[in-house]
N, C-alpha and C. Protein backbone atom coordinates (compact mmCIF):
# COMPACT_ATOMS: atom_id res chain seq x y z
N MET A 1 -39.56 -19.16 7.52
CA MET A 1 -38.65 -19.75 8.97
C MET A 1 -37.62 -20.90 8.07
N MET A 2 -36.27 -20.42 9.05
CA MET A 2 -35.61 -21.79 8.76
C MET A 2 -36.58 -22.72 9.21
N GLY A 3 -35.28 -23.23 7.90
CA GLY A 3 -35.67 -24.96 8.28
C GLY A 3 -37.23 -25.43 6.96
N ALA A 4 -37.82 -24.16 6.68
CA ALA A 4 -39.05 -23.92 6.05
C ALA A 4 -39.10 -24.62 4.67
N GLY A 5 -37.83 -24.61 4.25
CA GLY A 5 -36.94 -24.87 2.75
C GLY A 5 -37.24 -24.29 1.43
N LYS A 6 -37.17 -23.36 2.18
CA LYS A 6 -37.27 -21.91 1.54
C LYS A 6 -36.05 -21.60 0.47
N THR A 7 -35.02 -22.76 0.14
CA THR A 7 -34.04 -23.06 -0.64
C THR A 7 -33.65 -23.96 -1.53
N ALA A 8 -34.53 -25.07 -0.99
CA ALA A 8 -34.11 -26.54 -1.18
C ALA A 8 -35.96 -25.69 -3.17
N VAL A 9 -36.50 -26.09 -1.75
CA VAL A 9 -37.84 -25.66 -2.34
C VAL A 9 -37.86 -24.99 -3.27
N GLY A 10 -36.94 -23.34 -3.07
CA GLY A 10 -36.92 -22.79 -3.96
C GLY A 10 -36.20 -22.48 -5.61
N LYS A 11 -35.20 -23.73 -5.15
CA LYS A 11 -33.95 -24.21 -6.47
C LYS A 11 -35.15 -24.88 -6.99
N ALA A 12 -35.33 -25.45 -6.51
CA ALA A 12 -36.27 -26.46 -7.70
C ALA A 12 -37.32 -25.93 -8.60
N LEU A 13 -38.35 -24.89 -7.93
CA LEU A 13 -39.68 -24.36 -8.01
C LEU A 13 -39.31 -23.43 -9.40
N ALA A 14 -37.65 -22.52 -8.95
CA ALA A 14 -37.41 -21.97 -10.22
C ALA A 14 -36.60 -22.73 -11.71
N LEU A 15 -36.19 -24.05 -11.51
CA LEU A 15 -36.08 -24.68 -12.65
C LEU A 15 -37.24 -25.43 -13.41
N ARG A 16 -38.53 -26.03 -12.52
CA ARG A 16 -39.24 -25.95 -12.81
C ARG A 16 -40.18 -24.41 -13.79
N LEU A 17 -39.79 -23.67 -13.55
CA LEU A 17 -40.79 -22.91 -14.01
C LEU A 17 -39.69 -22.05 -15.04
N GLY A 18 -38.36 -22.63 -15.27
CA GLY A 18 -37.01 -22.46 -15.83
C GLY A 18 -36.83 -20.51 -15.59
N VAL A 19 -36.50 -20.27 -14.98
CA VAL A 19 -36.74 -18.73 -13.94
C VAL A 19 -35.32 -19.15 -12.65
N PRO A 20 -34.54 -18.37 -13.21
CA PRO A 20 -33.54 -18.13 -12.61
C PRO A 20 -33.85 -18.60 -10.55
N PHE A 21 -32.79 -18.79 -10.04
CA PHE A 21 -32.88 -18.64 -8.59
C PHE A 21 -32.11 -18.04 -8.10
N LEU A 22 -32.92 -16.41 -6.79
CA LEU A 22 -31.72 -15.62 -6.26
C LEU A 22 -32.40 -15.65 -5.18
N ASP A 23 -31.05 -15.81 -4.01
CA ASP A 23 -30.68 -15.47 -2.61
C ASP A 23 -30.64 -14.33 -2.02
N SER A 24 -31.51 -13.46 -1.69
CA SER A 24 -31.30 -12.64 -1.16
C SER A 24 -29.87 -12.50 0.09
N ASP A 25 -30.06 -13.56 0.36
CA ASP A 25 -28.50 -13.42 1.89
C ASP A 25 -27.51 -13.30 0.79
N ALA A 26 -27.56 -14.47 0.10
CA ALA A 26 -26.22 -14.48 -0.86
C ALA A 26 -26.08 -13.10 -1.57
N GLU A 27 -26.56 -12.60 -1.72
CA GLU A 27 -27.02 -11.51 -2.52
C GLU A 27 -25.58 -10.56 -1.67
N ILE A 28 -26.16 -10.62 -0.75
CA ILE A 28 -25.46 -9.29 0.13
C ILE A 28 -23.91 -9.83 0.92
N GLU A 29 -24.27 -11.31 0.88
CA GLU A 29 -23.03 -11.85 1.15
C GLU A 29 -22.10 -11.60 0.36
N GLU A 30 -22.36 -11.85 -0.64
CA GLU A 30 -21.46 -11.06 -2.32
C GLU A 30 -20.92 -9.79 -2.76
N ALA A 31 -21.23 -9.53 -1.94
CA ALA A 31 -21.71 -7.38 -2.64
C ALA A 31 -20.86 -6.99 -1.28
N ALA A 32 -20.66 -7.83 -0.51
CA ALA A 32 -19.84 -7.19 0.87
C ALA A 32 -19.30 -8.17 1.57
N ASN A 33 -18.43 -9.52 0.30
CA ASN A 33 -17.70 -10.04 0.69
C ASN A 33 -17.17 -9.95 1.50
N MET A 34 -18.02 -11.11 2.07
CA MET A 34 -18.80 -10.61 4.50
C MET A 34 -20.04 -11.60 4.51
N THR A 35 -19.84 -12.48 5.29
CA THR A 35 -20.71 -12.83 6.00
C THR A 35 -21.80 -12.69 6.56
N ILE A 36 -22.80 -12.62 6.23
CA ILE A 36 -24.06 -11.69 7.39
C ILE A 36 -23.85 -11.67 8.70
N ALA A 37 -23.06 -12.55 9.41
CA ALA A 37 -22.53 -12.74 11.02
C ALA A 37 -21.53 -11.30 10.69
N GLU A 38 -21.13 -11.38 9.90
CA GLU A 38 -19.99 -10.71 10.66
C GLU A 38 -20.49 -8.82 9.77
N ILE A 39 -21.37 -9.02 8.92
CA ILE A 39 -22.18 -7.97 9.06
C ILE A 39 -22.49 -6.88 10.19
N PHE A 40 -23.56 -8.23 10.62
CA PHE A 40 -23.86 -7.95 11.96
C PHE A 40 -23.10 -7.11 12.82
N GLN A 41 -21.86 -7.90 13.03
CA GLN A 41 -21.19 -7.95 14.00
C GLN A 41 -20.36 -6.30 14.47
N ARG A 42 -19.67 -6.26 12.13
CA ARG A 42 -19.09 -5.28 12.22
C ARG A 42 -20.27 -3.99 12.27
N ASP A 43 -21.12 -3.86 11.35
CA ASP A 43 -22.00 -3.09 11.06
C ASP A 43 -23.37 -2.89 11.83
N GLY A 44 -23.73 -3.48 12.54
CA GLY A 44 -25.08 -3.73 13.39
C GLY A 44 -26.60 -4.68 13.14
N GLU A 45 -27.24 -4.81 12.77
CA GLU A 45 -28.44 -4.93 12.79
C GLU A 45 -29.10 -3.87 11.33
N ALA A 46 -29.28 -3.13 11.95
CA ALA A 46 -29.64 -1.72 11.47
C ALA A 46 -29.35 -1.60 9.73
N PHE A 47 -28.04 -1.48 9.83
CA PHE A 47 -27.77 -1.11 8.88
C PHE A 47 -27.66 -2.85 7.69
N PHE A 48 -27.65 -3.84 8.17
CA PHE A 48 -27.95 -4.99 7.37
C PHE A 48 -29.32 -5.07 7.14
N ARG A 49 -29.82 -4.85 7.70
CA ARG A 49 -31.48 -4.76 6.83
C ARG A 49 -31.44 -3.50 6.50
N ASP A 50 -30.76 -2.92 5.98
CA ASP A 50 -31.00 -1.12 5.29
C ASP A 50 -30.47 -2.51 4.03
N ARG A 51 -29.46 -2.79 3.72
CA ARG A 51 -28.72 -3.59 2.74
C ARG A 51 -29.94 -4.52 1.97
N GLU A 52 -30.48 -5.53 3.31
CA GLU A 52 -31.43 -6.19 3.01
C GLU A 52 -32.30 -5.53 1.78
N THR A 53 -32.88 -4.79 2.39
CA THR A 53 -33.85 -4.22 2.01
C THR A 53 -33.19 -3.43 0.11
N GLU A 54 -32.24 -2.74 -0.09
CA GLU A 54 -32.01 -2.10 -1.07
C GLU A 54 -31.63 -3.68 -2.56
N VAL A 55 -31.33 -4.28 -1.80
CA VAL A 55 -30.62 -6.41 -2.54
C VAL A 55 -32.28 -6.39 -2.90
N ILE A 56 -33.16 -6.92 -1.76
CA ILE A 56 -34.49 -6.83 -2.11
C ILE A 56 -35.05 -6.32 -3.22
N ASP A 57 -34.84 -5.31 -3.42
CA ASP A 57 -35.43 -3.91 -4.35
C ASP A 57 -34.67 -4.21 -5.69
N ARG A 58 -33.42 -4.44 -5.46
CA ARG A 58 -33.36 -4.31 -6.93
C ARG A 58 -32.97 -5.98 -7.44
N LEU A 59 -32.72 -7.01 -6.75
CA LEU A 59 -33.38 -8.02 -7.00
C LEU A 59 -35.35 -8.48 -7.79
N LEU A 60 -35.99 -7.84 -7.04
CA LEU A 60 -37.10 -7.33 -7.64
C LEU A 60 -37.20 -6.95 -9.28
N GLU A 61 -36.63 -5.92 -9.14
CA GLU A 61 -36.58 -4.76 -10.33
C GLU A 61 -36.47 -5.78 -11.96
N GLY A 62 -35.19 -7.23 -11.48
CA GLY A 62 -34.34 -8.27 -12.74
C GLY A 62 -35.25 -9.08 -12.89
N GLU A 63 -35.37 -10.37 -14.08
CA GLU A 63 -36.06 -10.74 -14.99
C GLU A 63 -36.63 -11.55 -13.73
N HIS A 64 -38.23 -11.89 -14.25
CA HIS A 64 -39.04 -12.41 -13.45
C HIS A 64 -37.92 -13.68 -12.95
N GLY A 65 -38.49 -14.55 -11.21
CA GLY A 65 -36.99 -15.45 -10.80
C GLY A 65 -37.55 -15.41 -9.60
N VAL A 66 -37.14 -17.15 -9.38
CA VAL A 66 -38.01 -16.89 -7.63
C VAL A 66 -36.60 -16.43 -6.68
N LEU A 67 -37.68 -15.83 -5.70
CA LEU A 67 -35.92 -14.89 -4.77
C LEU A 67 -36.57 -15.20 -3.45
N SER A 68 -35.51 -15.95 -2.75
CA SER A 68 -35.49 -16.19 -1.29
C SER A 68 -35.11 -15.57 -0.88
N THR A 69 -35.59 -15.27 0.44
CA THR A 69 -35.26 -14.33 1.35
C THR A 69 -35.17 -14.65 2.72
N GLY A 70 -33.84 -13.79 3.33
CA GLY A 70 -33.67 -14.32 5.06
C GLY A 70 -35.20 -15.07 5.41
N GLY A 71 -35.18 -15.89 6.84
CA GLY A 71 -36.47 -15.68 7.35
C GLY A 71 -36.52 -13.97 8.14
N GLY A 72 -36.50 -13.25 8.51
CA GLY A 72 -36.09 -12.01 9.26
C GLY A 72 -36.57 -10.92 7.76
N ALA A 73 -36.41 -11.35 6.85
CA ALA A 73 -36.53 -10.22 5.79
C ALA A 73 -38.00 -9.90 5.77
N PHE A 74 -38.45 -10.70 5.99
CA PHE A 74 -40.40 -10.73 5.57
C PHE A 74 -40.69 -9.61 7.37
N MET A 75 -39.98 -9.66 8.14
CA MET A 75 -40.60 -8.75 9.13
C MET A 75 -40.20 -7.63 9.10
N ALA A 76 -40.55 -7.01 7.66
CA ALA A 76 -39.80 -5.41 7.57
C ALA A 76 -41.19 -5.13 7.29
N GLU A 77 -41.97 -4.55 7.36
CA GLU A 77 -42.81 -4.02 6.49
C GLU A 77 -42.40 -3.34 4.97
N ARG A 78 -41.45 -2.33 5.17
CA ARG A 78 -41.27 -2.27 3.59
C ARG A 78 -41.03 -3.16 2.70
N ASN A 79 -39.69 -4.49 3.12
CA ASN A 79 -39.82 -5.34 2.50
C ASN A 79 -41.35 -6.25 2.58
N ARG A 80 -41.65 -6.45 2.89
CA ARG A 80 -43.44 -7.12 2.41
C ARG A 80 -44.29 -6.48 1.34
N ASP A 81 -44.33 -4.87 1.86
CA ASP A 81 -45.01 -4.12 0.59
C ASP A 81 -43.79 -4.33 -0.30
N LEU A 82 -42.83 -4.37 -0.78
CA LEU A 82 -41.65 -4.09 -2.01
C LEU A 82 -42.21 -5.88 -2.55
N ILE A 83 -42.20 -6.18 -1.32
CA ILE A 83 -42.31 -7.88 -2.11
C ILE A 83 -43.86 -7.98 -2.59
N SER A 84 -44.65 -7.69 -2.55
CA SER A 84 -46.25 -7.59 -3.38
C SER A 84 -46.26 -6.32 -4.19
N ARG A 85 -45.84 -5.69 -3.78
CA ARG A 85 -45.86 -4.96 -5.07
C ARG A 85 -45.70 -5.02 -6.90
N LYS A 86 -44.09 -6.21 -6.37
CA LYS A 86 -43.05 -6.58 -7.83
C LYS A 86 -43.19 -7.61 -7.61
N GLY A 87 -43.95 -7.86 -6.70
CA GLY A 87 -43.85 -10.05 -6.97
C GLY A 87 -44.78 -10.32 -6.32
N ILE A 88 -44.60 -11.90 -5.76
CA ILE A 88 -45.88 -12.32 -5.02
C ILE A 88 -44.61 -12.98 -3.81
N SER A 89 -45.39 -12.80 -2.14
CA SER A 89 -44.76 -13.89 -1.59
C SER A 89 -45.96 -15.16 -0.95
N VAL A 90 -44.62 -15.71 -0.32
CA VAL A 90 -45.09 -16.88 -0.64
C VAL A 90 -44.53 -18.29 0.64
N TRP A 91 -45.54 -18.04 1.56
CA TRP A 91 -45.27 -18.30 2.91
C TRP A 91 -45.24 -20.43 2.84
N LEU A 92 -44.27 -20.47 3.40
CA LEU A 92 -44.05 -21.89 3.15
C LEU A 92 -43.88 -22.93 5.12
N LYS A 93 -45.20 -22.41 4.80
CA LYS A 93 -46.04 -22.68 6.35
C LYS A 93 -45.57 -23.80 6.98
N ALA A 94 -44.30 -24.31 7.72
CA ALA A 94 -44.47 -25.05 8.04
C ALA A 94 -44.73 -25.68 9.70
N ASP A 95 -45.00 -25.80 10.65
CA ASP A 95 -44.75 -26.45 12.20
C ASP A 95 -43.69 -26.11 12.44
N LEU A 96 -43.52 -25.90 14.44
CA LEU A 96 -42.48 -25.41 14.58
C LEU A 96 -41.69 -27.19 15.22
N LYS A 97 -42.51 -27.99 15.25
CA LYS A 97 -41.94 -29.66 14.98
C LYS A 97 -41.61 -29.73 14.03
N LEU A 98 -42.14 -29.42 13.00
CA LEU A 98 -41.20 -29.94 11.44
C LEU A 98 -40.01 -28.57 11.92
N LEU A 99 -40.39 -27.78 12.12
CA LEU A 99 -39.10 -26.66 11.83
C LEU A 99 -38.12 -27.39 13.21
N TRP A 100 -38.18 -27.72 13.53
CA TRP A 100 -37.30 -28.35 15.15
C TRP A 100 -36.96 -29.08 14.47
N ASN A 101 -37.13 -30.87 14.21
CA ASN A 101 -36.79 -32.21 13.25
C ASN A 101 -36.10 -31.61 12.12
N ARG A 102 -35.97 -30.13 12.08
CA ARG A 102 -35.08 -30.12 10.44
C ARG A 102 -33.62 -29.10 10.69
N VAL A 103 -34.37 -28.68 11.64
CA VAL A 103 -32.40 -27.61 12.54
C VAL A 103 -31.67 -28.17 13.29
N LYS A 104 -32.29 -28.75 14.33
CA LYS A 104 -31.35 -29.02 15.25
C LYS A 104 -30.12 -29.92 15.62
N HIS A 105 -30.06 -31.06 14.66
CA HIS A 105 -29.05 -31.12 14.33
C HIS A 105 -27.75 -30.52 13.49
N LYS A 106 -28.14 -28.88 13.12
CA LYS A 106 -27.54 -28.03 12.22
C LYS A 106 -27.02 -27.30 13.01
N ASP A 107 -25.42 -27.07 12.36
CA ASP A 107 -25.33 -25.71 13.44
C ASP A 107 -24.95 -24.65 12.44
N THR A 108 -25.78 -24.73 11.31
CA THR A 108 -25.10 -23.24 10.33
C THR A 108 -26.31 -22.42 10.92
N ARG A 109 -27.04 -22.91 11.77
CA ARG A 109 -28.06 -21.83 12.07
C ARG A 109 -27.71 -20.79 13.29
N PRO A 110 -27.46 -19.81 12.74
CA PRO A 110 -27.09 -19.09 13.61
C PRO A 110 -27.29 -17.97 14.69
N LEU A 111 -29.23 -18.19 14.76
CA LEU A 111 -29.80 -18.07 15.48
C LEU A 111 -29.89 -18.09 16.32
N LEU A 112 -29.58 -20.43 16.53
CA LEU A 112 -30.21 -21.10 17.45
C LEU A 112 -28.50 -20.81 18.26
N ARG A 113 -27.80 -20.62 18.21
CA ARG A 113 -26.52 -20.73 18.70
C ARG A 113 -26.76 -20.46 20.31
N THR A 114 -27.70 -21.18 21.03
CA THR A 114 -28.18 -20.88 22.25
C THR A 114 -27.94 -21.21 23.19
N ALA A 115 -28.25 -20.92 24.88
CA ALA A 115 -28.24 -22.12 25.33
C ALA A 115 -29.62 -22.60 26.12
N HIS A 116 -29.99 -22.52 25.03
CA HIS A 116 -31.87 -23.16 24.78
C HIS A 116 -31.97 -22.71 23.19
N PRO A 117 -31.62 -23.27 22.03
CA PRO A 117 -32.18 -23.50 20.89
C PRO A 117 -33.56 -23.90 20.73
N TYR A 118 -34.40 -24.32 20.96
CA TYR A 118 -35.41 -24.95 20.79
C TYR A 118 -36.28 -24.09 21.31
N GLU A 119 -36.23 -23.30 22.27
CA GLU A 119 -37.43 -22.50 23.00
C GLU A 119 -36.31 -20.91 21.95
N THR A 120 -35.40 -21.03 21.75
CA THR A 120 -35.43 -19.43 20.61
C THR A 120 -35.96 -19.86 19.56
N LEU A 121 -36.04 -20.54 19.23
CA LEU A 121 -37.23 -21.10 17.36
C LEU A 121 -38.09 -21.04 18.04
N ARG A 122 -38.89 -21.62 19.09
CA ARG A 122 -40.06 -21.11 19.52
C ARG A 122 -40.44 -20.22 19.50
N SER A 123 -39.72 -18.96 19.84
CA SER A 123 -39.75 -17.32 20.78
C SER A 123 -40.29 -17.34 18.99
N LEU A 124 -38.86 -17.72 18.09
CA LEU A 124 -39.20 -16.62 16.78
C LEU A 124 -40.02 -17.53 15.64
N TYR A 125 -41.19 -17.94 15.95
CA TYR A 125 -41.95 -19.09 15.62
C TYR A 125 -43.02 -18.01 15.80
N GLU A 126 -42.34 -17.82 17.17
CA GLU A 126 -44.12 -17.22 17.86
C GLU A 126 -43.65 -14.95 17.04
N ALA A 127 -43.38 -15.42 17.29
CA ALA A 127 -43.04 -13.50 17.16
C ALA A 127 -43.33 -13.66 15.58
N ARG A 128 -42.67 -14.74 14.60
CA ARG A 128 -43.41 -15.00 12.96
C ARG A 128 -44.69 -15.01 12.55
N VAL A 129 -44.65 -15.71 12.87
CA VAL A 129 -45.79 -16.57 12.52
C VAL A 129 -46.91 -15.19 12.53
N PRO A 130 -47.43 -15.17 13.19
CA PRO A 130 -48.32 -13.54 12.55
C PRO A 130 -48.25 -12.25 11.66
N VAL A 131 -46.74 -12.50 11.24
CA VAL A 131 -46.52 -11.66 10.18
C VAL A 131 -46.07 -12.25 9.55
N TYR A 132 -45.68 -13.59 9.35
CA TYR A 132 -45.37 -14.40 7.66
C TYR A 132 -47.66 -14.34 7.47
N ALA A 133 -48.37 -14.09 8.73
CA ALA A 133 -49.61 -14.36 7.49
C ALA A 133 -50.83 -13.77 6.55
N GLU A 134 -49.40 -12.63 6.76
CA GLU A 134 -50.03 -11.83 5.96
C GLU A 134 -49.17 -12.08 4.16
N ALA A 135 -48.19 -13.08 4.19
CA ALA A 135 -48.16 -13.19 2.71
C ALA A 135 -49.16 -13.77 1.62
N ASP A 136 -48.58 -13.17 0.22
CA ASP A 136 -49.99 -13.22 -0.58
C ASP A 136 -50.78 -14.77 -0.67
N LEU A 137 -49.75 -15.93 -0.46
CA LEU A 137 -49.96 -16.95 -0.47
C LEU A 137 -49.60 -18.18 0.47
N ALA A 138 -49.81 -18.59 1.60
CA ALA A 138 -49.43 -20.04 2.45
C ALA A 138 -49.64 -21.14 1.99
N VAL A 139 -48.78 -21.94 1.78
CA VAL A 139 -48.84 -23.25 1.16
C VAL A 139 -48.41 -23.98 2.43
N GLU A 140 -48.69 -24.94 2.53
CA GLU A 140 -48.66 -25.95 4.26
C GLU A 140 -47.65 -26.79 3.22
N ALA A 141 -46.38 -27.00 4.95
CA ALA A 141 -45.67 -28.17 4.92
C ALA A 141 -45.71 -29.08 4.96
N HIS A 142 -45.68 -30.11 4.78
CA HIS A 142 -45.76 -31.39 6.29
C HIS A 142 -44.39 -32.12 6.17
N GLN A 143 -44.24 -32.99 6.71
CA GLN A 143 -42.91 -33.51 7.04
C GLN A 143 -42.35 -35.05 6.12
N SER A 144 -44.22 -35.16 5.29
CA SER A 144 -44.27 -36.62 4.51
C SER A 144 -43.54 -35.88 3.46
N TYR A 145 -43.49 -34.69 2.70
CA TYR A 145 -43.65 -33.38 1.51
C TYR A 145 -41.66 -33.64 1.15
N SER A 146 -41.77 -34.59 0.51
CA SER A 146 -40.29 -34.49 -0.67
C SER A 146 -40.28 -32.96 -0.78
N ILE A 147 -39.33 -32.36 -1.53
CA ILE A 147 -39.45 -31.10 -2.21
C ILE A 147 -39.70 -30.63 -3.05
N GLU A 148 -40.03 -32.39 -4.26
CA GLU A 148 -40.60 -32.23 -5.25
C GLU A 148 -42.59 -32.24 -4.57
N MET A 149 -42.92 -32.42 -3.99
CA MET A 149 -44.10 -32.65 -3.58
C MET A 149 -44.95 -31.08 -3.22
N MET A 150 -43.42 -30.33 -2.78
CA MET A 150 -44.15 -29.24 -1.76
C MET A 150 -44.06 -28.21 -3.02
N THR A 151 -43.15 -28.50 -4.13
CA THR A 151 -42.89 -27.25 -5.28
C THR A 151 -44.45 -27.72 -6.15
N ASP A 152 -44.88 -29.18 -5.68
CA ASP A 152 -46.22 -29.35 -6.44
C ASP A 152 -47.17 -28.12 -5.91
N LYS A 153 -46.97 -28.65 -5.01
CA LYS A 153 -47.94 -27.63 -4.04
C LYS A 153 -47.78 -26.16 -3.75
N VAL A 154 -46.45 -25.23 -4.08
CA VAL A 154 -46.21 -24.37 -5.00
C VAL A 154 -46.32 -23.50 -5.95
N VAL A 155 -46.88 -24.59 -6.51
CA VAL A 155 -46.94 -24.40 -8.69
C VAL A 155 -48.38 -24.13 -8.42
N ASN A 156 -49.31 -25.09 -8.07
CA ASN A 156 -50.85 -25.32 -7.71
C ASN A 156 -51.25 -24.26 -6.88
N ALA A 157 -50.29 -23.83 -5.86
CA ALA A 157 -50.94 -22.16 -5.61
C ALA A 157 -50.75 -20.72 -6.28
N LEU A 158 -49.62 -21.38 -7.29
CA LEU A 158 -48.96 -19.44 -7.38
C LEU A 158 -50.46 -20.26 -8.89
N ALA A 159 -50.84 -21.11 -9.44
CA ALA A 159 -51.87 -20.82 -10.67
C ALA A 159 -53.15 -20.27 -10.16
N ALA A 160 -53.56 -20.72 -9.15
CA ALA A 160 -54.84 -19.83 -8.96
C ALA A 160 -54.33 -18.58 -8.73
N ARG A 161 -53.30 -18.17 -9.08
CA ARG A 161 -53.46 -15.91 -9.14
C ARG A 161 -53.42 -16.55 -10.18
N PRO A 162 -53.49 -15.73 -11.63
CA PRO A 162 -53.35 -16.28 -13.20
C PRO A 162 -52.62 -14.94 -13.29
N ASP A 163 -52.41 -13.84 -12.38
CA ASP A 163 -51.45 -12.65 -12.70
C ASP A 163 -50.27 -13.00 -12.22
N VAL A 164 -49.93 -13.92 -11.99
CA VAL A 164 -48.32 -14.11 -11.31
C VAL A 164 -47.53 -15.81 -12.60
N LEU A 165 -48.13 -16.84 -13.39
CA LEU A 165 -47.89 -16.86 -14.21
C LEU A 165 -48.34 -16.91 -15.66
N GLU A 166 -47.75 -16.53 -15.91
CA GLU A 166 -48.14 -16.07 -16.99
C GLU A 166 -47.95 -17.81 -18.48
N ALA A 167 -48.88 -17.81 -19.33
CA ALA A 167 -49.57 -19.92 -19.85
C ALA A 167 -48.24 -18.54 -20.96
N GLU A 168 -47.07 -19.44 -21.92
CA GLU A 168 -46.73 -19.65 -22.78
C GLU A 168 -47.34 -19.73 -24.07
N GLU A 169 -47.35 -18.70 -24.93
CA GLU A 169 -48.08 -18.91 -26.11
C GLU A 169 -47.54 -19.19 -27.50
C-alpha cells in the first residue's frame, strides 16, 4: 500500500544486501518518457497494466535485486505468479492508521486526489489487504519502526527462507 515504505525500505534493503534497487513504476515512466498518470490518461489502465507486467517480468529476469512495484501491481494474479515464480514477494503490512498518517499531508498520491481521501484510502486498503495476504512473506510495520528497524525485520523474514538469501562463501 502507498505509505507502507516500499521505496524507503526497499532501497535500504538493497543497500544492506549489496544488490540493485529497482522500481517498476520508475522503469515504466522512463521507458514511456511519461508519468504513470499521463499513461493512464492517454492509453488507459489496461494498457498500463500490460506494460507493468512486461516490465516486472523483465526486471525479474535480471540480476538479483530488490524490486518495488506499485501498490496495484500485486492485485493482478499474473504479477503475483511472476513474482513468486522468479523471486519472493514481501508485504510490508501497515495498518490503515499508519498509512493514513504517512500519506495524508502529501500531494504525491494521485489515487487520493478525491473529495474524501481517507475514505478512498480505506476502500483501497480493504480491497487490497486480502490479496496482499497472498504474499510469500508478511512483515508487520509499526509507527515506532525506523527504516533501519523495518529493514532488519525484512532481512529476518528473508533469512527464514534459505532459498532466498544465499550465504557468501
